[in-house]
C-alpha atoms as a PDB file:
ATOM      1  CA  ASN A   1      94.723 106.962 134.548  1.00  0.00           C
ATOM      2  CA  ASP A   2      96.793 107.907 137.571  1.00  0.00           C
ATOM      3  CA  THR A   3     100.092 106.994 135.874  1.00  0.00           C
ATOM      4  CA  LEU A   4     100.934 108.822 132.671  1.00  0.00           C
ATOM      5  CA  SER A   5     103.896 109.549 130.422  1.00  0.00           C
ATOM      6  CA  GLN A   6     105.092 113.131 130.378  1.00  0.00           C
ATOM      7  CA  GLY A   7     103.132 115.007 127.749  1.00  0.00           C
ATOM      8  CA  ASP A   8     100.013 112.832 128.039  1.00  0.00           C
ATOM      9  CA  ASN A   9      96.763 114.508 129.042  1.00  0.00           C
ATOM     10  CA  PHE A  10      95.555 114.059 132.619  1.00  0.00           C
ATOM     11  CA  ILE A  11      91.761 113.760 132.434  1.00  0.00           C
ATOM     12  CA  PHE A  12      89.364 114.124 135.344  1.00  0.00           C
ATOM     13  CA  GLU A  13      85.630 113.502 135.099  1.00  0.00           C
ATOM     14  CA  SER A  14      83.116 113.570 137.904  1.00  0.00           C
ATOM     15  CA  MET A  15      79.715 114.957 138.867  1.00  0.00           C
ATOM     16  CA  ALA A  16      78.423 117.574 141.329  1.00  0.00           C
ATOM     17  CA  THR A  17      74.945 117.113 142.787  1.00  0.00           C
ATOM     18  CA  ASN A  18      72.851 119.684 144.653  1.00  0.00           C
ATOM     19  CA  ILE A  19      71.290 117.428 147.287  1.00  0.00           C
ATOM     20  CA  SER A  20      69.378 120.290 148.923  1.00  0.00           C
ATOM     21  CA  GLU A  21      65.943 121.687 148.154  1.00  0.00           C
ATOM     22  CA  VAL A  22      67.401 125.087 147.310  1.00  0.00           C
ATOM     23  CA  ASP A  23      68.590 126.130 143.856  1.00  0.00           C
ATOM     24  CA  MET A  24      72.233 127.188 143.576  1.00  0.00           C
ATOM     25  CA  ASP A  25      73.586 130.006 141.474  1.00  0.00           C
ATOM     26  CA  SER A  26      76.424 129.562 138.958  1.00  0.00           C
ATOM     27  CA  LEU A  27      78.956 127.172 140.410  1.00  0.00           C
ATOM     28  CA  LEU A  28      82.679 128.001 140.690  1.00  0.00           C
ATOM     29  CA  VAL A  29      84.979 124.977 140.458  1.00  0.00           C
ATOM     30  CA  LYS A  30      88.707 125.253 141.195  1.00  0.00           C
ATOM     31  CA  TYR A  31      91.269 122.689 140.040  1.00  0.00           C
ATOM     32  CA  THR A  32      94.760 122.746 141.591  1.00  0.00           C
ATOM     33  CA  ILE A  33      97.796 120.677 140.598  1.00  0.00           C
ATOM     34  CA  THR A  34     100.802 120.658 142.927  1.00  0.00           C
ATOM     35  CA  ASP A  35     103.953 119.146 141.470  1.00  0.00           C
ATOM     36  CA  GLN A  36     106.851 117.393 143.192  1.00  0.00           C
ATOM     37  CA  ASN A  37     108.611 120.756 143.639  1.00  0.00           C
ATOM     38  CA  ASN A  38     105.565 122.120 145.471  1.00  0.00           C
ATOM     39  CA  GLU A  39     104.746 124.454 142.589  1.00  0.00           C
ATOM     40  CA  THR A  40     101.017 124.920 142.078  1.00  0.00           C
ATOM     41  CA  PHE A  41      98.976 125.359 138.916  1.00  0.00           C
ATOM     42  CA  VAL A  42      95.449 126.680 139.504  1.00  0.00           C
ATOM     43  CA  PHE A  43      92.541 126.593 137.037  1.00  0.00           C
ATOM     44  CA  GLU A  44      89.006 127.850 137.578  1.00  0.00           C
ATOM     45  CA  ASN A  45      85.816 127.071 135.744  1.00  0.00           C
ATOM     46  CA  ARG A  46      82.399 128.611 136.334  1.00  0.00           C
ATOM     47  CA  LEU A  47      79.515 126.285 135.575  1.00  0.00           C
ATOM     48  CA  ALA A  48      75.841 126.957 134.983  1.00  0.00           C
ATOM     49  CA  PRO A  49      73.417 127.354 137.934  1.00  0.00           C
ATOM     50  CA  LEU A  50      72.639 124.063 139.653  1.00  0.00           C
ATOM     51  CA  ALA A  51      68.991 123.532 140.524  1.00  0.00           C
ATOM     52  CA  ALA A  52      67.858 121.583 143.585  1.00  0.00           C
ATOM     53  CA  GLN A  53      68.245 117.830 143.352  1.00  0.00           C
ATOM     54  CA  GLN A  54      70.054 118.209 140.009  1.00  0.00           C
ATOM     55  CA  SER A  55      73.547 117.188 138.903  1.00  0.00           C
ATOM     56  CA  ILE A  56      76.125 118.702 136.620  1.00  0.00           C
ATOM     57  CA  ASP A  57      79.188 117.148 134.974  1.00  0.00           C
ATOM     58  CA  LEU A  58      82.688 118.180 135.970  1.00  0.00           C
ATOM     59  CA  GLU A  59      85.354 117.827 133.278  1.00  0.00           C
ATOM     60  CA  PHE A  60      89.005 118.859 133.439  1.00  0.00           C
ATOM     61  CA  GLU A  61      91.938 118.124 131.150  1.00  0.00           C
ATOM     62  CA  TYR A  62      95.571 119.066 131.671  1.00  0.00           C
ATOM     63  CA  ASN A  63      98.621 118.463 129.493  1.00  0.00           C
ATOM     64  CA  THR A  64     101.484 117.115 131.618  1.00  0.00           C
ATOM     65  CA  GLN A  65     104.453 118.472 129.643  1.00  0.00           C
ATOM     66  CA  GLU A  66     105.503 120.705 132.545  1.00  0.00           C
ATOM     67  CA  VAL A  67     105.296 118.200 135.414  1.00  0.00           C
ATOM     68  CA  LEU A  68     107.131 115.051 136.436  1.00  0.00           C
ATOM     69  CA  GLY A  69     107.019 112.592 139.314  1.00  0.00           C
ATOM     70  CA  VAL A  70     104.256 112.413 141.911  1.00  0.00           C
ATOM     71  CA  ASN A  71     101.697 115.228 141.677  1.00  0.00           C
ATOM     72  CA  GLU A  72      98.639 116.103 143.734  1.00  0.00           C
ATOM     73  CA  PHE A  73      95.358 116.913 142.032  1.00  0.00           C
ATOM     74  CA  ARG A  74      92.718 118.818 143.999  1.00  0.00           C
ATOM     75  CA  VAL A  75      89.206 119.734 142.900  1.00  0.00           C
ATOM     76  CA  GLU A  76      86.997 122.068 144.969  1.00  0.00           C
ATOM     77  CA  ILE A  77      83.351 122.885 144.220  1.00  0.00           C
ATOM     78  CA  ASN A  78      81.959 126.255 145.339  1.00  0.00           C
ATOM     79  CA  ALA A  79      85.605 127.062 145.913  1.00  0.00           C
ATOM     80  CA  GLU A  80      85.266 130.564 147.332  1.00  0.00           C
ATOM     81  CA  ARG A  81      82.119 129.645 149.340  1.00  0.00           C
ATOM     82  CA  GLU A  82      80.175 132.217 147.386  1.00  0.00           C
ATOM     83  CA  GLN A  83      77.035 130.251 148.186  1.00  0.00           C
ATOM     84  CA  ILE A  84      76.186 129.217 151.710  1.00  0.00           C
ATOM     85  CA  GLU A  85      76.109 125.486 152.362  1.00  0.00           C
ATOM     86  CA  GLU A  86      75.567 123.494 155.505  1.00  0.00           C
ATOM     87  CA  HIS A  87      78.739 121.445 154.880  1.00  0.00           C
ATOM     88  CA  TYR A  88      81.815 122.079 152.715  1.00  0.00           C
ATOM     89  CA  PHE A  89      83.946 119.009 153.480  1.00  0.00           C
ATOM     90  CA  ASN A  90      82.286 117.005 150.729  1.00  0.00           C
ATOM     91  CA  ASN A  91      83.106 119.675 148.132  1.00  0.00           C
ATOM     92  CA  ILE A  92      86.756 118.654 147.956  1.00  0.00           C
ATOM     93  CA  GLY A  93      88.454 115.740 146.191  1.00  0.00           C
ATOM     94  CA  ILE A  94      92.174 114.981 146.305  1.00  0.00           C
ATOM     95  CA  ARG A  95      94.109 112.422 144.324  1.00  0.00           C
ATOM     96  CA  GLU A  96      97.758 111.765 143.494  1.00  0.00           C
ATOM     97  CA  PHE A  97      98.964 110.879 140.024  1.00  0.00           C
ATOM     98  CA  MET A  98     102.356 109.889 138.640  1.00  0.00           C
ATOM     99  CA  ILE A  99     104.028 111.367 135.541  1.00  0.00           C
ATOM    100  CA  THR A 100     106.915 109.268 134.237  1.00  0.00           C
ATOM    101  CA  GLY A 101     109.666 110.916 132.194  1.00  0.00           C
ATOM    102  CA  ASP A 102     111.169 109.839 128.876  1.00  0.00           C
ATOM    103  CA  ASN A 103     114.353 107.845 129.516  1.00  0.00           C
ATOM    104  CA  THR A 104     114.520 106.010 126.177  1.00  0.00           C
ATOM    105  CA  ASN A 105     117.267 106.769 123.676  1.00  0.00           C
ATOM    106  CA  PRO A 106     116.140 107.908 120.239  1.00  0.00           C
ATOM    107  CA  LEU A 107     117.171 105.807 117.230  1.00  0.00           C
ATOM    108  CA  ILE A 108     119.674 107.377 114.845  1.00  0.00           C
ATOM    109  CA  ASP A 109     120.478 106.314 111.286  1.00  0.00           C
ATOM    110  CA  LEU A 110     123.034 107.538 108.736  1.00  0.00           C
ATOM    111  CA  THR A 111     123.081 107.054 104.955  1.00  0.00           C
ATOM    112  CA  PHE A 112     125.165 108.341 102.054  1.00  0.00           C
ATOM    113  CA  ASP A 113     123.189 108.712  98.827  1.00  0.00           C
ATOM    114  CA  GLY A 114     120.570 106.381 100.254  1.00  0.00           C
ATOM    115  CA  VAL A 115     123.005 103.639 101.342  1.00  0.00           C
ATOM    116  CA  ARG A 116     124.451 102.668 104.732  1.00  0.00           C
ATOM    117  CA  ILE A 117     128.159 102.566 104.017  1.00  0.00           C
ATOM    118  CA  MET A 118     130.901 100.492 105.614  1.00  0.00           C
ATOM    119  CA  ASP A 119     134.117 102.012 106.905  1.00  0.00           C
ATOM    120  CA  GLY A 120     136.457 102.773 104.030  1.00  0.00           C
ATOM    121  CA  ASP A 121     133.755 102.906 101.357  1.00  0.00           C
ATOM    122  CA  ILE A 122     134.083 105.370  98.497  1.00  0.00           C
ATOM    123  CA  VAL A 123     131.457 108.103  98.325  1.00  0.00           C
ATOM    124  CA  SER A 124     130.695 110.926  95.940  1.00  0.00           C
ATOM    125  CA  PRO A 125     132.478 114.298  96.306  1.00  0.00           C
ATOM    126  CA  MET A 126     128.965 115.776  96.562  1.00  0.00           C
ATOM    127  CA  PRO A 127     127.064 113.195  98.612  1.00  0.00           C
ATOM    128  CA  LEU A 128     123.587 113.450 100.035  1.00  0.00           C
ATOM    129  CA  ILE A 129     124.192 112.598 103.685  1.00  0.00           C
ATOM    130  CA  VAL A 130     120.963 111.912 105.562  1.00  0.00           C
ATOM    131  CA  VAL A 131     120.729 111.569 109.339  1.00  0.00           C
ATOM    132  CA  THR A 132     117.399 110.484 110.813  1.00  0.00           C
ATOM    133  CA  LEU A 133     116.410 110.601 114.466  1.00  0.00           C
ATOM    134  CA  LYS A 134     113.319 108.773 115.658  1.00  0.00           C
ATOM    135  CA  ASP A 135     111.856 108.947 119.152  1.00  0.00           C
ATOM    136  CA  GLU A 136     109.014 106.883 120.561  1.00  0.00           C
ATOM    137  CA  ASN A 137     107.639 109.818 122.583  1.00  0.00           C
ATOM    138  CA  PHE A 138     105.206 111.487 120.213  1.00  0.00           C
ATOM    139  CA  ASN A 139     104.281 114.015 122.910  1.00  0.00           C
ATOM    140  CA  PHE A 140     107.687 115.663 122.485  1.00  0.00           C
ATOM    141  CA  PRO A 141     108.551 115.545 118.778  1.00  0.00           C
ATOM    142  CA  ILE A 142     112.059 116.501 117.676  1.00  0.00           C
ATOM    143  CA  ASN A 143     111.456 119.906 116.116  1.00  0.00           C
ATOM    144  CA  ASP A 144     114.782 121.711 116.530  1.00  0.00           C
ATOM    145  CA  VAL A 145     117.871 121.263 114.356  1.00  0.00           C
ATOM    146  CA  SER A 146     120.002 121.598 117.503  1.00  0.00           C
ATOM    147  CA  SER A 147     118.942 118.028 118.342  1.00  0.00           C
ATOM    148  CA  PHE A 148     121.592 116.966 115.797  1.00  0.00           C
ATOM    149  CA  ASP A 149     125.358 117.251 116.179  1.00  0.00           C
ATOM    150  CA  LEU A 150     127.693 116.603 113.223  1.00  0.00           C
ATOM    151  CA  ALA A 151     131.456 116.981 112.936  1.00  0.00           C
ATOM    152  CA  LEU A 152     133.729 116.264 109.965  1.00  0.00           C
ATOM    153  CA  GLN A 153     137.403 115.329 110.025  1.00  0.00           C
ATOM    154  CA  GLN A 154     139.689 115.130 106.980  1.00  0.00           C
ATOM    155  CA  LEU A 155     142.726 112.956 107.536  1.00  0.00           C
ATOM    156  CA  PRO A 156     145.568 113.279 108.365  1.00  0.00           C
ATOM    157  CA  ASP A 157     144.244 116.243 110.365  1.00  0.00           C
ATOM    158  CA  MET A 158     143.664 115.023 113.916  1.00  0.00           C
ATOM    159  CA  GLN A 159     140.972 117.648 114.567  1.00  0.00           C
ATOM    160  CA  SER A 160     137.306 117.329 113.658  1.00  0.00           C
ATOM    161  CA  TYR A 161     135.259 120.441 112.944  1.00  0.00           C
ATOM    162  CA  PRO A 162     131.554 120.955 113.771  1.00  0.00           C
ATOM    163  CA  VAL A 163     129.180 121.178 110.843  1.00  0.00           C
ATOM    164  CA  ASP A 164     127.285 124.481 110.812  1.00  0.00           C
ATOM    165  CA  LEU A 165     123.674 123.312 110.972  1.00  0.00           C
ATOM    166  CA  THR A 166     122.468 126.747 109.811  1.00  0.00           C
ATOM    167  CA  SER A 167     124.471 126.676 106.570  1.00  0.00           C
ATOM    168  CA  GLU A 168     122.916 126.395 103.112  1.00  0.00           C
ATOM    169  CA  ASP A 169     124.103 122.822 102.657  1.00  0.00           C
ATOM    170  CA  VAL A 170     122.041 121.635 105.646  1.00  0.00           C
ATOM    171  CA  THR A 171     118.265 121.120 105.494  1.00  0.00           C
ATOM    172  CA  PHE A 172     116.224 120.127 108.540  1.00  0.00           C
ATOM    173  CA  PHE A 173     112.834 118.399 108.546  1.00  0.00           C
ATOM    174  CA  PRO A 174     111.158 118.325 111.990  1.00  0.00           C
ATOM    175  CA  ALA A 175     109.373 115.249 113.269  1.00  0.00           C
ATOM    176  CA  ASP A 176     105.594 115.233 112.876  1.00  0.00           C
ATOM    177  CA  SER A 177     102.730 112.932 111.988  1.00  0.00           C
ATOM    178  CA  SER A 178     103.522 113.147 108.257  1.00  0.00           C
ATOM    179  CA  ASN A 179     106.900 111.396 108.707  1.00  0.00           C
ATOM    180  CA  ASN A 180     105.953 109.072 111.570  1.00  0.00           C
ATOM    181  CA  TYR A 181     107.656 111.457 114.009  1.00  0.00           C
ATOM    182  CA  CYS A 182     111.096 110.845 112.507  1.00  0.00           C
ATOM    183  CA  ALA A 183     113.222 114.004 112.269  1.00  0.00           C
ATOM    184  CA  ARG A 184     115.599 114.213 109.308  1.00  0.00           C
ATOM    185  CA  LEU A 185     118.676 116.260 108.522  1.00  0.00           C
ATOM    186  CA  GLU A 186     120.139 116.419 105.003  1.00  0.00           C
ATOM    187  CA  PHE A 187     123.771 117.470 104.589  1.00  0.00           C
ATOM    188  CA  THR A 188     125.135 118.090 101.064  1.00  0.00           C
ATOM    189  CA  PRO A 189     128.803 119.069 101.361  1.00  0.00           C
ATOM    190  CA  THR A 190     131.270 119.514  98.501  1.00  0.00           C
ATOM    191  CA  LEU A 191     134.358 117.447  99.336  1.00  0.00           C
ATOM    192  CA  GLU A 192     137.807 117.256  97.789  1.00  0.00           C
ATOM    193  CA  SER A 193     139.671 113.993  97.316  1.00  0.00           C
ATOM    194  CA  GLY A 194     140.813 112.456 100.572  1.00  0.00           C
ATOM    195  CA  GLU A 195     139.904 110.338 103.585  1.00  0.00           C
ATOM    196  CA  TYR A 196     137.235 111.544 105.996  1.00  0.00           C
ATOM    197  CA  ILE A 197     135.534 110.646 109.251  1.00  0.00           C
ATOM    198  CA  LEU A 198     132.028 111.894 109.984  1.00  0.00           C
ATOM    199  CA  TYR A 199     130.843 111.997 113.603  1.00  0.00           C
ATOM    200  CA  VAL A 200     127.089 112.016 114.218  1.00  0.00           C
ATOM    201  CA  GLN A 201     125.184 112.371 117.476  1.00  0.00           C
ATOM    202  CA  GLY A 202     121.577 113.215 118.287  1.00  0.00           C
ATOM    203  CA  GLU A 203     119.223 113.721 121.196  1.00  0.00           C
ATOM    204  CA  ASP A 204     115.466 113.753 121.623  1.00  0.00           C
ATOM    205  CA  ALA A 205     113.384 116.634 122.960  1.00  0.00           C
ATOM    206  CA  SER A 206     113.817 115.256 126.504  1.00  0.00           C
ATOM    207  CA  GLY A 207     117.609 115.397 126.230  1.00  0.00           C
ATOM    208  CA  ASN A 208     118.227 111.647 125.834  1.00  0.00           C
ATOM    209  CA  LEU A 209     121.252 111.003 123.614  1.00  0.00           C
ATOM    210  CA  SER A 210     121.081 108.445 120.822  1.00  0.00           C
ATOM    211  CA  GLY A 211     124.062 106.692 122.412  1.00  0.00           C
ATOM    212  CA  ASP A 212     126.949 107.137 124.827  1.00  0.00           C
ATOM    213  CA  GLN A 213     129.271 107.836 121.895  1.00  0.00           C
ATOM    214  CA  ALA A 214     128.739 109.485 118.524  1.00  0.00           C
ATOM    215  CA  ILE A 215     128.472 107.112 115.582  1.00  0.00           C
ATOM    216  CA  THR A 216     131.280 107.421 113.060  1.00  0.00           C
ATOM    217  CA  ALA A 217     131.568 106.788 109.334  1.00  0.00           C
ATOM    218  CA  SER A 218     134.993 106.590 107.685  1.00  0.00           C
ATOM    219  CA  PHE A 219     134.949 107.101 103.927  1.00  0.00           C
ATOM    220  CA  VAL A 220     137.096 108.010 100.948  1.00  0.00           C
ATOM    221  CA  VAL A 221     136.432 110.586  98.227  1.00  0.00           C
ATOM    222  CA  PHE A 222     137.928 110.491  94.725  1.00  0.00           C
ATOM    223  CA  ALA A 223     137.071 113.580  92.707  1.00  0.00           C
ATOM    224  CA  GLU A 224     138.191 111.934  89.446  1.00  0.00           C
ATOM    225  CA  THR A 225     135.463 110.073  87.561  1.00  0.00           C
ATOM    226  CA  ALA A 226     136.618 106.493  87.016  1.00  0.00           C
ATOM    227  CA  VAL A 227     135.667 102.826  87.280  1.00  0.00           C
ATOM    228  CA  THR A 228     137.818 100.686  89.584  1.00  0.00           C
ATOM    229  CA  ASN A 229     137.833  97.229  91.152  1.00  0.00           C
ATOM    230  CA  LEU A 230     135.788  95.631  88.371  1.00  0.00           C
ATOM    231  CA  LEU A 231     135.556  91.952  89.295  1.00  0.00           C
ATOM    232  CA  ASN A 232     133.121  89.085  89.019  1.00  0.00           C
ATOM    233  CA  TYR A 233     132.167  86.966  92.004  1.00  0.00           C
ATOM    234  CA  PRO A 234     132.373  84.047  92.423  1.00  0.00           C
ATOM    235  CA  ASN A 235     135.247  83.316  90.090  1.00  0.00           C
ATOM    236  CA  PRO A 236     135.494  80.533  88.920  1.00  0.00           C
ATOM    237  CA  PHE A 237     131.737  79.894  88.828  1.00  0.00           C
ATOM    238  CA  SER A 238     129.449  77.080  87.773  1.00  0.00           C
ATOM    239  CA  THR A 239     125.867  78.366  87.845  1.00  0.00           C
ATOM    240  CA  SER A 240     126.046  82.177  87.973  1.00  0.00           C
ATOM    241  CA  THR A 241     128.288  85.111  88.784  1.00  0.00           C
ATOM    242  CA  GLU A 242     127.740  88.780  89.498  1.00  0.00           C
ATOM    243  CA  PHE A 243     129.911  91.847  89.029  1.00  0.00           C
ATOM    244  CA  VAL A 244     131.275  94.138  91.696  1.00  0.00           C
ATOM    245  CA  TYR A 245     132.846  97.479  90.841  1.00  0.00           C
ATOM    246  CA  THR A 246     133.438 100.946  92.202  1.00  0.00           C
ATOM    247  CA  ILE A 247     132.435 104.241  90.615  1.00  0.00           C
ATOM    248  CA  THR A 248     134.289 107.393  91.662  1.00  0.00           C
ATOM    249  CA  GLY A 249     133.578 111.022  90.820  1.00  0.00           C
ATOM    250  CA  THR A 250     130.405 113.048  90.974  1.00  0.00           C
ATOM    251  CA  GLU A 251     128.059 111.131  88.663  1.00  0.00           C
ATOM    252  CA  VAL A 252     127.414 107.656  87.347  1.00  0.00           C
ATOM    253  CA  PRO A 253     128.320 106.834  83.724  1.00  0.00           C
ATOM    254  CA  GLU A 254     125.734 107.393  81.007  1.00  0.00           C
ATOM    255  CA  VAL A 255     126.955 104.248  79.226  1.00  0.00           C
ATOM    256  CA  PHE A 256     128.100 101.205  81.177  1.00  0.00           C
ATOM    257  CA  THR A 257     128.337  97.930  79.265  1.00  0.00           C
ATOM    258  CA  ILE A 258     130.240  94.788  80.249  1.00  0.00           C
ATOM    259  CA  GLN A 259     131.425  92.609  77.366  1.00  0.00           C
ATOM    260  CA  ILE A 260     132.344  88.933  77.755  1.00  0.00           C
ATOM    261  CA  MET A 261     134.863  87.687  75.188  1.00  0.00           C
ATOM    262  CA  THR A 262     136.715  84.548  74.238  1.00  0.00           C
ATOM    263  CA  LEU A 263     140.505  84.574  74.508  1.00  0.00           C
ATOM    264  CA  SER A 264     140.607  85.286  70.770  1.00  0.00           C
ATOM    265  CA  GLY A 265     138.621  88.516  71.304  1.00  0.00           C
ATOM    266  CA  LYS A 266     135.182  87.432  70.057  1.00  0.00           C
ATOM    267  CA  VAL A 267     132.354  89.092  72.004  1.00  0.00           C
ATOM    268  CA  VAL A 268     129.890  86.427  73.142  1.00  0.00           C
ATOM    269  CA  LYS A 269     127.849  88.394  75.670  1.00  0.00           C
ATOM    270  CA  GLU A 270     126.996  92.056  76.346  1.00  0.00           C
ATOM    271  CA  ILE A 271     125.480  93.090  79.687  1.00  0.00           C
ATOM    272  CA  THR A 272     123.943  96.549  79.569  1.00  0.00           C
ATOM    273  CA  LYS A 273     123.636  99.204  82.249  1.00  0.00           C
ATOM    274  CA  GLU A 274     119.901  98.569  82.468  1.00  0.00           C
ATOM    275  CA  GLU A 275     120.468  94.862  83.114  1.00  0.00           C
ATOM    276  CA  LEU A 276     123.059  95.499  85.818  1.00  0.00           C
ATOM    277  CA  GLY A 277     120.526  97.387  87.952  1.00  0.00           C
ATOM    278  CA  VAL A 278     120.979 100.523  90.020  1.00  0.00           C
ATOM    279  CA  ILE A 279     124.445 102.064  89.672  1.00  0.00           C
ATOM    280  CA  ARG A 280     125.683 104.652  92.141  1.00  0.00           C
ATOM    281  CA  VAL A 281     128.876 106.463  93.023  1.00  0.00           C
ATOM    282  CA  GLY A 282     130.786 104.184  95.378  1.00  0.00           C
ATOM    283  CA  GLN A 283     130.893 100.410  95.620  1.00  0.00           C
ATOM    284  CA  ASN A 284     128.343  98.488  93.561  1.00  0.00           C
ATOM    285  CA  ARG A 285     127.181  94.904  93.362  1.00  0.00           C
ATOM    286  CA  SER A 286     125.092  94.115  90.310  1.00  0.00           C
ATOM    287  CA  ASP A 287     121.535  92.898  90.645  1.00  0.00           C
ATOM    288  CA  TYR A 288     122.181  90.951  87.448  1.00  0.00           C
ATOM    289  CA  LYS A 289     123.617  87.433  87.741  1.00  0.00           C
ATOM    290  CA  TRP A 290     125.175  86.081  84.570  1.00  0.00           C
ATOM    291  CA  ASP A 291     124.492  82.381  84.090  1.00  0.00           C
ATOM    292  CA  GLY A 292     127.322  81.700  81.603  1.00  0.00           C
ATOM    293  CA  THR A 293     125.208  81.861  78.420  1.00  0.00           C
ATOM    294  CA  ASP A 294     125.860  83.916  75.293  1.00  0.00           C
ATOM    295  CA  ASP A 295     123.614  86.558  73.730  1.00  0.00           C
ATOM    296  CA  PHE A 296     121.518  83.783  72.162  1.00  0.00           C
ATOM    297  CA  GLY A 297     120.985  81.891  75.420  1.00  0.00           C
ATOM    298  CA  SER A 298     123.383  79.051  74.614  1.00  0.00           C
ATOM    299  CA  ARG A 299     125.633  77.769  77.385  1.00  0.00           C
ATOM    300  CA  LEU A 300     129.279  78.622  76.929  1.00  0.00           C
ATOM    301  CA  ALA A 301     131.888  75.924  77.235  1.00  0.00           C
ATOM    302  CA  ASN A 302     134.012  75.559  80.312  1.00  0.00           C
ATOM    303  CA  GLY A 303     137.169  77.591  80.235  1.00  0.00           C
ATOM    304  CA  VAL A 304     138.734  81.010  80.577  1.00  0.00           C
ATOM    305  CA  TYR A 305     137.064  84.136  79.213  1.00  0.00           C
ATOM    306  CA  LEU A 306     137.880  87.832  79.248  1.00  0.00           C
ATOM    307  CA  TYR A 307     135.641  90.734  80.190  1.00  0.00           C
ATOM    308  CA  ARG A 308     135.903  94.494  79.831  1.00  0.00           C
ATOM    309  CA  VAL A 309     133.701  97.508  80.486  1.00  0.00           C
ATOM    310  CA  ILE A 310     132.785 100.133  77.904  1.00  0.00           C
ATOM    311  CA  THR A 311     131.757 103.333  79.632  1.00  0.00           C
ATOM    312  CA  SER A 312     131.284 107.028  78.880  1.00  0.00           C
ATOM    313  CA  ASP A 313     129.778 110.114  80.505  1.00  0.00           C
ATOM    314  CA  SER A 314     126.788 112.207  79.418  1.00  0.00           C
ATOM    315  CA  ASN A 315     128.996 114.061  76.914  1.00  0.00           C
ATOM    316  CA  GLY A 316     130.087 110.832  75.256  1.00  0.00           C
ATOM    317  CA  ASP A 317     133.607 111.020  76.645  1.00  0.00           C
ATOM    318  CA  ALA A 318     135.178 107.757  77.729  1.00  0.00           C
ATOM    319  CA  ILE A 319     135.607 107.195  81.469  1.00  0.00           C
ATOM    320  CA  ASP A 320     138.879 105.794  82.756  1.00  0.00           C
ATOM    321  CA  VAL A 321     138.905 102.218  83.956  1.00  0.00           C
ATOM    322  CA  LEU A 322     141.572 101.958  86.639  1.00  0.00           C
ATOM    323  CA  PRO A 323     142.971  98.763  88.211  1.00  0.00           C
ATOM    324  CA  GLU A 324     143.499  98.423  91.924  1.00  0.00           C
ATOM    325  CA  SER A 325     147.084  97.415  92.727  1.00  0.00           C
ATOM    326  CA  SER A 326     146.057  94.515  94.962  1.00  0.00           C
ATOM    327  CA  LEU A 327     143.846  93.153  92.187  1.00  0.00           C
ATOM    328  CA  ASP A 328     146.301  93.467  89.284  1.00  0.00           C
ATOM    329  CA  SER A 329     146.416  89.712  88.822  1.00  0.00           C
ATOM    330  CA  TYR A 330     142.707  89.733  87.963  1.00  0.00           C
ATOM    331  CA  PHE A 331     142.307  93.007  86.098  1.00  0.00           C
ATOM    332  CA  LYS A 332     145.015  94.389  83.773  1.00  0.00           C
ATOM    333  CA  LYS A 333     144.900  97.181  81.190  1.00  0.00           C
ATOM    334  CA  GLY A 334     141.114  97.354  81.283  1.00  0.00           C
ATOM    335  CA  PHE A 335     140.553  93.591  80.913  1.00  0.00           C
ATOM    336  CA  GLY A 336     139.555  91.030  83.498  1.00  0.00           C
ATOM    337  CA  LYS A 337     139.601  87.225  83.466  1.00  0.00           C
ATOM    338  CA  LEU A 338     136.822  84.879  84.501  1.00  0.00           C
ATOM    339  CA  VAL A 339     136.513  81.115  84.513  1.00  0.00           C
ATOM    340  CA  ILE A 340     133.465  78.901  83.837  1.00  0.00           C
ATOM    341  CA  MET A 341     133.773  75.524  85.583  1.00  0.00           C
ATOM    342  CA  ARG A 342     130.683  73.360  85.566  1.00  0.00           C
END
């Protein structure tokens, strides 16, 4: 090919033929590349003796990481005229080739504990923050932690502070074939309660930024372990409803059971932690959808029911269930209200 991406291999193949009746000694071949800045790169290769009326293959390969733009390739056989020939003009071949640079932005992604959060979400005081940076140019993999740029701001402070990428709470995984050339940075800070903004930027090995502006993630940290915003949605419901809730603190509860009760306090349904699905610190939406039946599979009558959560940590200590002020009409003193309307 005479048009290549930077980092691809330029490959030249041809053949030299001794058209005379006289054997030639070992054959010196010189390859010269002249780049767009008029800088030359010279390579020599000495081939085996070339007998009369015989041919020999010429093969040359050059990695183009160091050149860009229009380049001239020159090959010269019997370069120093060590062996006398009648003509030398047909010993030289010249060809131009184009090397195009990488102008594509790498793709950046940001997750907290494996989830892409929305602005204002609650995260753990000790989150696993993962930033990935993927570039389509496999010739120049991202293999330096300096390709990432992180800064953290704790409100109401108006100043953000760079994250030290050499600190113990930062781990860098360079891009290679084992991870589909996707570089990854893991950041595991210990955060106190408060509101934060994380700024993330990245660039590929060619210096292309992931975007004109850094991506930002605004989040809230509550150091206290608690359950808040426990609601069912939709409410009222006719066919099924699911539960949304927020876990704060550093770890998820060991026990997390939602009980459905009649207004008289009789428990008609218990939904266990295992049924609810994956629970994480932050906002949750249950995989489980309750269809309005009791523990025996019988459909409950239309009407108003209560629900509450029973939860404790790994030591067996109860975890606080806190209402959110804007949701007080739905969730009071650890109890919520739901309505079945078929």
